[in-house]
């Protein structure tokens, strides 16, 4: 019982440590924060008020939406109350019987607030209206109408922009939870699977990657988040992908690859993060978007290959079986890149690979490190 509890605690601490040091989560969010930002730089958020509201979370957008309208109604209600009080229209001022009010029936603060709401929302119930005896009231109703139109236009634009954000389209692009390393077309490759869950295409799609790791220069300088470019390709190349069905992207592990010095027994001991990017333009909206995900060493499986998911039915239609999207199968794979290319290196193990006579299909349970 004690051993089991110790293993649970160890696993929890391991997942917490990985989540803490991960730069890009599986759903593409960047785990970064800014500290010691000068106040004059924070003022830039106020100057760029449009982007600030568009990037604000929905709960705060709704809060500011309600607050802006309610506050404007109340402020203009106070102004209407001040005009009525200055003209002697209120009940407690006992106006004469033949008195003509600036705003008919506005004789208290409550009626002033209601008239402000009716004016700005163009409701107009009919028993409250402006008369021609007060030029200030005429000017105020013009000002409030213009301010109400500006507030309406601003919030309509913010809400429509947030609904149509390209990153919402990116939610329908999904990557495989794990990457695999296995032979492909005569070379050792790291493979990742990506799928478009909509039938509309992503035009001009491009795929690339960045390997993030901490390196130490010969001069002894420590570089945190040192970035190394990783090229990914499909059979037709790496630019302008025909993203009509799920694609298997692969990176060739040759002498120029940072994975060349790794092996099956040292891969999970490395400390790096492979961030994969997919840029494209949505066919339906013509808006560009970027999809991101990342893989840590524990999510890269050496000696496995993805199971095929595209088939053709008897009716001649192409069918994508997403139940096999995350399934992998073990395949004979060299112990390291040096072994695969028969070169002398740091690893001198046999190239027997993995025995898979029964061709057993397996599901890999990857740790859910970045639960949302």
Protein backbone atom coordinates (compact mmCIF):
# COMPACT_ATOMS: atom_id res chain seq x y z
CA UNK A 1 0.00 0.00 0.00
CA UNK A 2 2.85 2.36 0.89
CA UNK A 3 4.67 1.56 -2.33
CA UNK A 4 1.56 2.16 -4.39
CA UNK A 5 0.99 5.53 -2.72
CA UNK A 6 4.62 6.46 -3.34
CA UNK A 7 4.26 5.65 -7.03
CA UNK A 8 1.11 7.76 -7.29
CA UNK A 9 2.82 10.73 -5.65
CA UNK A 10 5.88 10.30 -7.85
CA UNK A 11 3.77 10.20 -11.00
CA UNK A 12 1.81 13.27 -9.91
CA UNK A 13 4.98 15.25 -9.18
CA UNK A 14 6.44 14.18 -12.52
CA UNK A 15 3.36 15.37 -14.44
CA UNK A 16 3.32 18.61 -12.47
CA UNK A 17 6.99 19.24 -13.26
CA UNK A 18 6.44 18.59 -16.98
CA UNK A 19 3.39 20.87 -17.03
CA UNK A 20 5.35 23.61 -15.30
CA UNK A 21 8.29 23.62 -17.70
CA UNK A 22 6.32 23.07 -20.89
CA UNK A 23 6.33 26.17 -23.09
CA UNK A 24 3.49 25.25 -25.49
CA UNK A 25 0.56 23.15 -24.30
CA UNK A 26 -1.00 20.44 -26.41
CA UNK A 27 -3.81 22.80 -27.44
CA UNK A 28 -1.37 25.50 -28.54
CA UNK A 29 -1.39 27.95 -25.65
CA UNK A 30 1.95 29.47 -24.62
CA UNK A 31 2.93 28.97 -20.99
CA UNK A 32 4.72 32.27 -20.48
CA UNK A 33 4.31 35.31 -18.27
CA UNK A 34 5.78 38.82 -18.31
CA UNK A 35 7.32 40.33 -15.22
CA UNK A 36 8.56 43.79 -14.26
CA UNK A 37 6.79 45.48 -17.16
CA UNK A 38 7.09 49.25 -16.90
CA UNK A 39 3.87 51.22 -16.31
CA UNK A 40 4.36 53.20 -19.52
CA UNK A 41 4.39 49.91 -21.42
CA UNK A 42 1.19 48.81 -19.73
CA UNK A 43 -0.40 52.05 -20.93
CA UNK A 44 0.03 50.69 -24.46
CA UNK A 45 -2.81 48.24 -23.70
CA UNK A 46 -5.11 51.23 -23.17
CA UNK A 47 -4.00 52.89 -26.39
CA UNK A 48 -4.67 49.65 -28.29
CA UNK A 49 -8.09 49.27 -26.68
CA UNK A 50 -9.57 47.36 -29.63
CA UNK A 51 -7.05 44.49 -29.51
CA UNK A 52 -7.26 44.45 -25.72
CA UNK A 53 -11.02 43.83 -25.78
CA UNK A 54 -10.80 41.33 -28.65
CA UNK A 55 -8.24 39.26 -26.72
CA UNK A 56 -10.14 39.51 -23.43
CA UNK A 57 -11.94 36.43 -22.17
CA UNK A 58 -15.67 36.17 -22.77
CA UNK A 59 -16.60 36.53 -19.11
CA UNK A 60 -14.88 39.92 -18.93
CA UNK A 61 -16.28 41.00 -22.29
CA UNK A 62 -19.81 40.34 -21.05
CA UNK A 63 -19.03 42.17 -17.79
CA UNK A 64 -17.73 45.23 -19.62
CA UNK A 65 -20.64 45.06 -22.08
CA UNK A 66 -23.23 45.23 -19.30
CA UNK A 67 -21.25 47.81 -17.32
CA UNK A 68 -20.76 50.17 -20.28
CA UNK A 69 -24.46 50.34 -21.14
CA UNK A 70 -25.65 50.54 -17.53
CA UNK A 71 -23.12 53.23 -16.65
CA UNK A 72 -23.95 55.33 -19.72
CA UNK A 73 -27.68 55.11 -18.93
CA UNK A 74 -27.04 56.19 -15.35
CA UNK A 75 -24.70 59.08 -16.24
CA UNK A 76 -27.08 60.50 -18.82
CA UNK A 77 -29.93 59.89 -16.36
CA UNK A 78 -28.15 62.16 -13.90
CA UNK A 79 -27.78 64.80 -16.62
CA UNK A 80 -31.49 64.61 -17.44
CA UNK A 81 -32.27 64.89 -13.73
CA UNK A 82 -30.02 67.95 -13.46
CA UNK A 83 -31.77 69.61 -16.43
CA UNK A 84 -35.21 68.90 -14.91
CA UNK A 85 -34.09 70.22 -11.53
CA UNK A 86 -32.56 73.35 -13.03
CA UNK A 87 -35.80 74.04 -14.89
CA UNK A 88 -37.98 73.37 -11.85
CA UNK A 89 -39.73 70.29 -13.24
CA UNK A 90 -39.43 68.01 -10.21
CA UNK A 91 -42.38 67.20 -7.94
CA UNK A 92 -40.76 68.47 -4.76
CA UNK A 93 -40.20 71.84 -6.49
CA UNK A 94 -44.01 72.25 -6.82
CA UNK A 95 -44.15 73.58 -10.41
CA UNK A 96 -47.26 75.65 -11.34
CA UNK A 97 -50.17 74.06 -13.21
CA UNK A 98 -49.32 75.80 -16.50
CA UNK A 99 -45.61 74.85 -16.24
CA UNK A 100 -44.05 73.29 -19.38
CA UNK A 101 -41.30 70.81 -18.48
CA UNK A 102 -38.12 70.29 -20.45
CA UNK A 103 -38.90 66.57 -20.59
CA UNK A 104 -42.52 65.64 -20.09
CA UNK A 105 -43.12 63.33 -17.06
CA UNK A 106 -39.48 63.44 -15.88
CA UNK A 107 -40.16 64.57 -12.34
CA UNK A 108 -37.88 62.22 -10.36
CA UNK A 109 -34.49 60.45 -10.63
CA UNK A 110 -36.18 57.16 -11.50
CA UNK A 111 -38.03 58.71 -14.43
CA UNK A 112 -34.82 60.43 -15.53
CA UNK A 113 -33.02 57.05 -15.63
CA UNK A 114 -35.89 55.45 -17.55
CA UNK A 115 -35.91 58.29 -20.07
CA UNK A 116 -32.15 57.93 -20.51
CA UNK A 117 -32.57 54.19 -21.18
CA UNK A 118 -35.42 54.78 -23.65
CA UNK A 119 -33.48 57.44 -25.52
CA UNK A 120 -30.28 55.41 -25.92
CA UNK A 121 -32.06 52.17 -26.86
CA UNK A 122 -34.67 53.97 -29.02
CA UNK A 123 -37.54 52.27 -27.19
CA UNK A 124 -39.84 55.28 -26.78
CA UNK A 125 -42.86 54.18 -24.72
CA UNK A 126 -44.72 57.38 -25.61
CA UNK A 127 -45.47 59.13 -22.30
CA UNK A 128 -41.99 60.67 -21.87
CA UNK A 129 -40.65 63.10 -24.47
CA UNK A 130 -38.53 66.24 -24.89
CA UNK A 131 -40.23 69.62 -25.32
CA UNK A 132 -38.91 72.70 -27.11
CA UNK A 133 -38.55 74.96 -24.08
CA UNK A 134 -35.03 73.82 -23.16
CA UNK A 135 -32.24 74.04 -25.77
CA UNK A 136 -29.98 72.12 -23.39
CA UNK A 137 -32.34 69.15 -23.43
CA UNK A 138 -32.35 69.11 -27.23
CA UNK A 139 -28.55 69.16 -27.30
CA UNK A 140 -28.33 66.41 -24.68
CA UNK A 141 -30.65 64.06 -26.56
CA UNK A 142 -28.50 64.51 -29.68
CA UNK A 143 -25.31 63.78 -27.71
CA UNK A 144 -26.78 60.70 -26.03
CA UNK A 145 -28.08 59.31 -29.32
CA UNK A 146 -24.63 59.65 -30.88
CA UNK A 147 -22.90 58.13 -27.85
CA UNK A 148 -25.34 55.23 -27.83
CA UNK A 149 -24.67 54.56 -31.52
CA UNK A 150 -20.90 54.58 -30.90
CA UNK A 151 -21.20 52.15 -27.97
CA UNK A 152 -23.44 49.85 -30.00
CA UNK A 153 -21.05 49.82 -32.97
CA UNK A 154 -18.05 49.15 -30.74
CA UNK A 155 -19.55 46.17 -28.97
CA UNK A 156 -21.06 44.69 -32.12
CA UNK A 157 -17.60 44.84 -33.70
CA UNK A 158 -15.90 43.27 -30.67
CA UNK A 159 -18.37 40.41 -30.39
CA UNK A 160 -18.39 39.66 -34.12
CA UNK A 161 -14.60 39.75 -34.23
CA UNK A 162 -14.29 37.38 -31.28
CA UNK A 163 -16.78 34.96 -32.83
CA UNK A 164 -14.92 35.01 -36.15
CA UNK A 165 -11.40 34.76 -34.71
CA UNK A 166 -9.18 32.47 -36.82
CA UNK A 167 -8.07 30.58 -33.73
CA UNK A 168 -11.61 29.18 -33.50
CA UNK A 169 -11.02 27.60 -36.91
CA UNK A 170 -7.76 26.23 -35.55
CA UNK A 171 -9.73 24.21 -33.00
CA UNK A 172 -10.82 21.92 -35.84
CA UNK A 173 -7.19 21.08 -36.70
CA UNK A 174 -5.91 18.29 -34.50
CA UNK A 175 -2.50 16.69 -34.07
CA UNK A 176 -1.73 13.21 -32.81
CA UNK A 177 -1.03 13.05 -29.09
CA UNK A 178 2.29 11.31 -29.70
CA UNK A 179 5.00 11.27 -32.36
CA UNK A 180 6.74 8.13 -33.62
CA UNK A 181 10.20 7.28 -34.95
CA UNK A 182 10.49 4.51 -37.52
CA UNK A 183 11.88 3.83 -41.02
CA UNK A 184 10.10 5.45 -43.95
CA UNK A 185 11.14 5.14 -47.59
CA UNK A 186 14.68 4.10 -46.86
CA UNK A 187 15.44 6.54 -44.06
CA UNK A 188 14.77 6.98 -40.36
CA UNK A 189 12.01 9.51 -39.72
CA UNK A 190 10.12 11.19 -36.92
CA UNK A 191 6.44 11.21 -37.85
CA UNK A 192 3.45 13.24 -36.67
CA UNK A 193 -0.14 12.93 -37.79
CA UNK A 194 -2.41 15.94 -38.36
CA UNK A 195 -6.07 16.06 -39.44
CA UNK A 196 -8.56 18.68 -40.59
CA UNK A 197 -11.93 17.91 -39.01
CA UNK A 198 -13.81 20.09 -41.51
CA UNK A 199 -14.37 19.33 -45.17
CA UNK A 200 -13.41 22.89 -46.14
CA UNK A 201 -9.74 23.12 -47.02
CA UNK A 202 -6.90 25.04 -45.45
CA UNK A 203 -5.35 26.85 -48.42
CA UNK A 204 -1.59 27.30 -48.67
CA UNK A 205 -0.88 25.20 -45.60
CA UNK A 206 2.71 25.10 -44.41
CA UNK A 207 4.18 22.91 -41.68
CA UNK A 208 7.37 23.49 -39.71
CA UNK A 209 8.78 22.88 -36.27
CA UNK A 210 11.08 24.30 -33.62
CA UNK A 211 13.13 22.25 -31.16
CA UNK A 212 13.40 24.16 -27.89
CA UNK A 213 16.13 23.19 -25.46
CA UNK A 214 18.67 24.67 -23.09
CA UNK A 215 22.19 24.69 -24.52
CA UNK A 216 25.58 25.69 -23.18
CA UNK A 217 27.97 27.42 -25.57
CA UNK A 218 31.72 26.62 -25.63
CA UNK A 219 32.21 29.92 -23.82
CA UNK A 220 30.08 28.65 -20.95
CA UNK A 221 27.01 30.77 -21.72
CA UNK A 222 23.67 29.11 -20.97
CA UNK A 223 21.01 29.76 -23.60
CA UNK A 224 17.48 29.04 -22.41
CA UNK A 225 14.92 28.18 -25.09
CA UNK A 226 17.52 27.79 -27.80
CA UNK A 227 15.54 27.23 -31.03
CA UNK A 228 16.54 24.78 -33.74
CA UNK A 229 14.51 24.60 -36.95
CA UNK A 230 12.91 21.24 -37.76
CA UNK A 231 11.73 20.59 -41.32
CA UNK A 232 8.63 18.48 -41.86
CA UNK A 233 7.47 17.09 -45.20
CA UNK A 234 4.80 14.94 -46.75
CA UNK A 235 5.14 12.90 -49.91
CA UNK A 236 4.31 15.95 -52.07
CA UNK A 237 6.76 18.28 -50.32
CA UNK A 238 6.59 20.69 -47.40
CA UNK A 239 4.83 23.73 -48.91
CA UNK A 240 1.23 24.23 -50.09
CA UNK A 241 -0.11 21.01 -48.65
CA UNK A 242 -3.29 19.52 -50.10
CA UNK A 243 -4.97 19.28 -46.72
CA UNK A 244 -8.12 17.44 -47.76
CA UNK A 245 -7.52 14.40 -45.54
CA UNK A 246 -5.31 13.55 -42.54
CA UNK A 247 -1.62 13.82 -43.33
CA UNK A 248 1.39 12.07 -41.86
CA UNK A 249 4.24 14.54 -41.56
CA UNK A 250 7.78 13.27 -41.27
CA UNK A 251 11.15 14.69 -40.40
CA UNK A 252 14.19 12.91 -41.81
CA UNK A 253 16.69 12.02 -39.08
CA UNK A 254 20.00 12.52 -40.89
CA UNK A 255 23.33 13.99 -39.83
CA UNK A 256 21.86 17.52 -39.82
CA UNK A 257 18.97 16.55 -37.55
CA UNK A 258 19.20 17.23 -33.78
CA UNK A 259 17.68 13.77 -33.25
CA UNK A 260 20.66 12.05 -34.90
CA UNK A 261 22.58 11.71 -31.62
CA UNK A 262 19.61 10.23 -29.74
CA UNK A 263 18.74 6.59 -29.26
CA UNK A 264 15.87 4.53 -27.91
CA UNK A 265 17.49 4.26 -24.48
CA UNK A 266 18.45 7.94 -24.23
CA UNK A 267 15.49 9.67 -25.87
CA UNK A 268 13.35 9.93 -22.74
CA UNK A 269 16.32 11.18 -20.75
CA UNK A 270 16.64 14.25 -22.94
CA UNK A 271 15.22 17.64 -22.03
CA UNK A 272 13.67 19.34 -25.02
CA UNK A 273 10.32 20.35 -26.46
CA UNK A 274 9.35 19.91 -30.10
CA UNK A 275 6.87 22.62 -31.12
CA UNK A 276 5.03 22.01 -34.39
CA UNK A 277 3.31 24.81 -36.33
CA UNK A 278 0.78 24.66 -39.15
CA UNK A 279 -0.06 27.90 -40.96
CA UNK A 280 -2.87 28.18 -43.46
CA UNK A 281 -5.79 30.18 -44.78
CA UNK A 282 -9.36 29.06 -44.18
CA UNK A 283 -11.16 28.50 -47.47
CA UNK A 284 -14.56 29.68 -46.20
CA UNK A 285 -13.45 32.92 -44.49
CA UNK A 286 -10.08 33.70 -46.17
CA UNK A 287 -8.62 34.33 -42.71
CA UNK A 288 -5.16 33.07 -41.84
CA UNK A 289 -4.63 31.00 -38.71
CA UNK A 290 -1.86 29.09 -37.00
CA UNK A 291 -2.21 25.79 -35.16
CA UNK A 292 0.38 24.81 -32.58
CA UNK A 293 1.16 21.80 -30.47
CA UNK A 294 4.21 20.38 -28.75
CA UNK A 295 5.84 17.08 -27.92
CA UNK A 296 8.17 16.28 -25.04
CA UNK A 297 10.50 13.25 -25.06
CA UNK A 298 7.94 11.12 -23.17
CA UNK A 299 5.49 11.65 -26.06
CA UNK A 300 7.88 10.44 -28.78
CA UNK A 301 7.74 6.67 -29.33
CA UNK A 302 10.74 4.95 -30.87
CA UNK A 303 10.03 1.90 -33.00
CA UNK A 304 6.34 2.51 -33.75
CA UNK A 305 4.40 3.58 -36.82
CA UNK A 306 0.91 5.02 -37.29
CA UNK A 307 -1.86 2.76 -38.48
CA UNK A 308 -3.37 3.62 -41.89
CA UNK A 309 -6.69 5.46 -41.62
CA UNK A 310 -7.66 6.14 -45.26
CA UNK A 311 -9.52 3.50 -47.26
CA UNK A 312 -11.83 3.31 -50.27
CA UNK A 313 -15.39 2.02 -50.07
CA UNK A 314 -17.17 -0.14 -52.62
CA UNK A 315 -19.05 2.94 -53.81
CA UNK A 316 -15.76 4.60 -54.75
CA UNK A 317 -15.72 7.08 -51.87
CA UNK A 318 -12.66 7.73 -49.77
CA UNK A 319 -13.23 7.04 -46.08
CA UNK A 320 -11.21 8.33 -43.13
CA UNK A 321 -11.38 6.15 -40.03
CA UNK A 322 -10.58 8.46 -37.13
CA UNK A 323 -10.70 5.55 -34.68
CA UNK A 324 -7.21 4.67 -35.93
CA UNK A 325 -5.94 8.26 -35.77
CA UNK A 326 -3.98 7.75 -32.55
CA UNK A 327 -3.26 4.02 -32.93
CA UNK A 328 0.28 2.85 -33.51
CA UNK A 329 1.86 -0.48 -34.31
CA UNK A 330 5.41 -1.62 -33.42
CA UNK A 331 7.75 -2.00 -36.39
CA UNK A 332 11.38 -3.20 -36.65
CA UNK A 333 13.51 -0.13 -36.05
CA UNK A 334 17.21 0.43 -35.45
CA UNK A 335 18.28 1.26 -31.94
CA UNK A 336 19.73 4.63 -32.99
CA UNK A 337 20.37 6.73 -36.08
CA UNK A 338 24.04 5.70 -36.07
CA UNK A 339 22.97 2.07 -36.18
CA UNK A 340 20.49 2.68 -38.96
CA UNK A 341 23.07 4.34 -41.18
CA UNK A 342 25.78 1.82 -40.18
CA UNK A 343 28.05 4.57 -38.90
CA UNK A 344 30.37 4.53 -35.94
CA UNK A 345 28.91 6.56 -33.15
CA UNK A 346 28.07 6.66 -29.48
CA UNK A 347 25.68 3.69 -29.67
CA UNK A 348 26.74 0.21 -30.78
CA UNK A 349 23.69 -1.95 -30.36
CA UNK A 350 22.25 -4.58 -32.63
CA UNK A 351 19.79 -3.65 -35.39
CA UNK A 352 17.39 -6.47 -34.66
CA UNK A 353 14.56 -4.04 -34.02
CA UNK A 354 11.26 -5.16 -32.51
CA UNK A 355 9.78 -8.56 -33.14
CA UNK A 356 6.23 -8.09 -34.35
CA UNK A 357 5.31 -11.33 -36.05
CA UNK A 358 1.64 -11.09 -35.12
CA UNK A 359 1.32 -7.47 -36.33
CA UNK A 360 -0.45 -6.49 -33.15
CA UNK A 361 -2.22 -3.13 -33.17
CA UNK A 362 -1.99 -1.33 -29.84
CA UNK A 363 -3.28 1.86 -28.28
CA UNK A 364 -0.74 3.96 -26.45
CA UNK A 365 -2.00 5.64 -23.31
CA UNK A 366 -0.20 8.98 -23.25
CA UNK A 367 -0.23 10.95 -20.00
CA UNK A 368 -2.77 13.77 -20.12
CA UNK A 369 -0.26 16.41 -19.11
CA UNK A 370 -2.18 19.48 -20.21
CA UNK A 371 -5.77 18.92 -19.26
CA UNK A 372 -7.95 21.91 -19.88
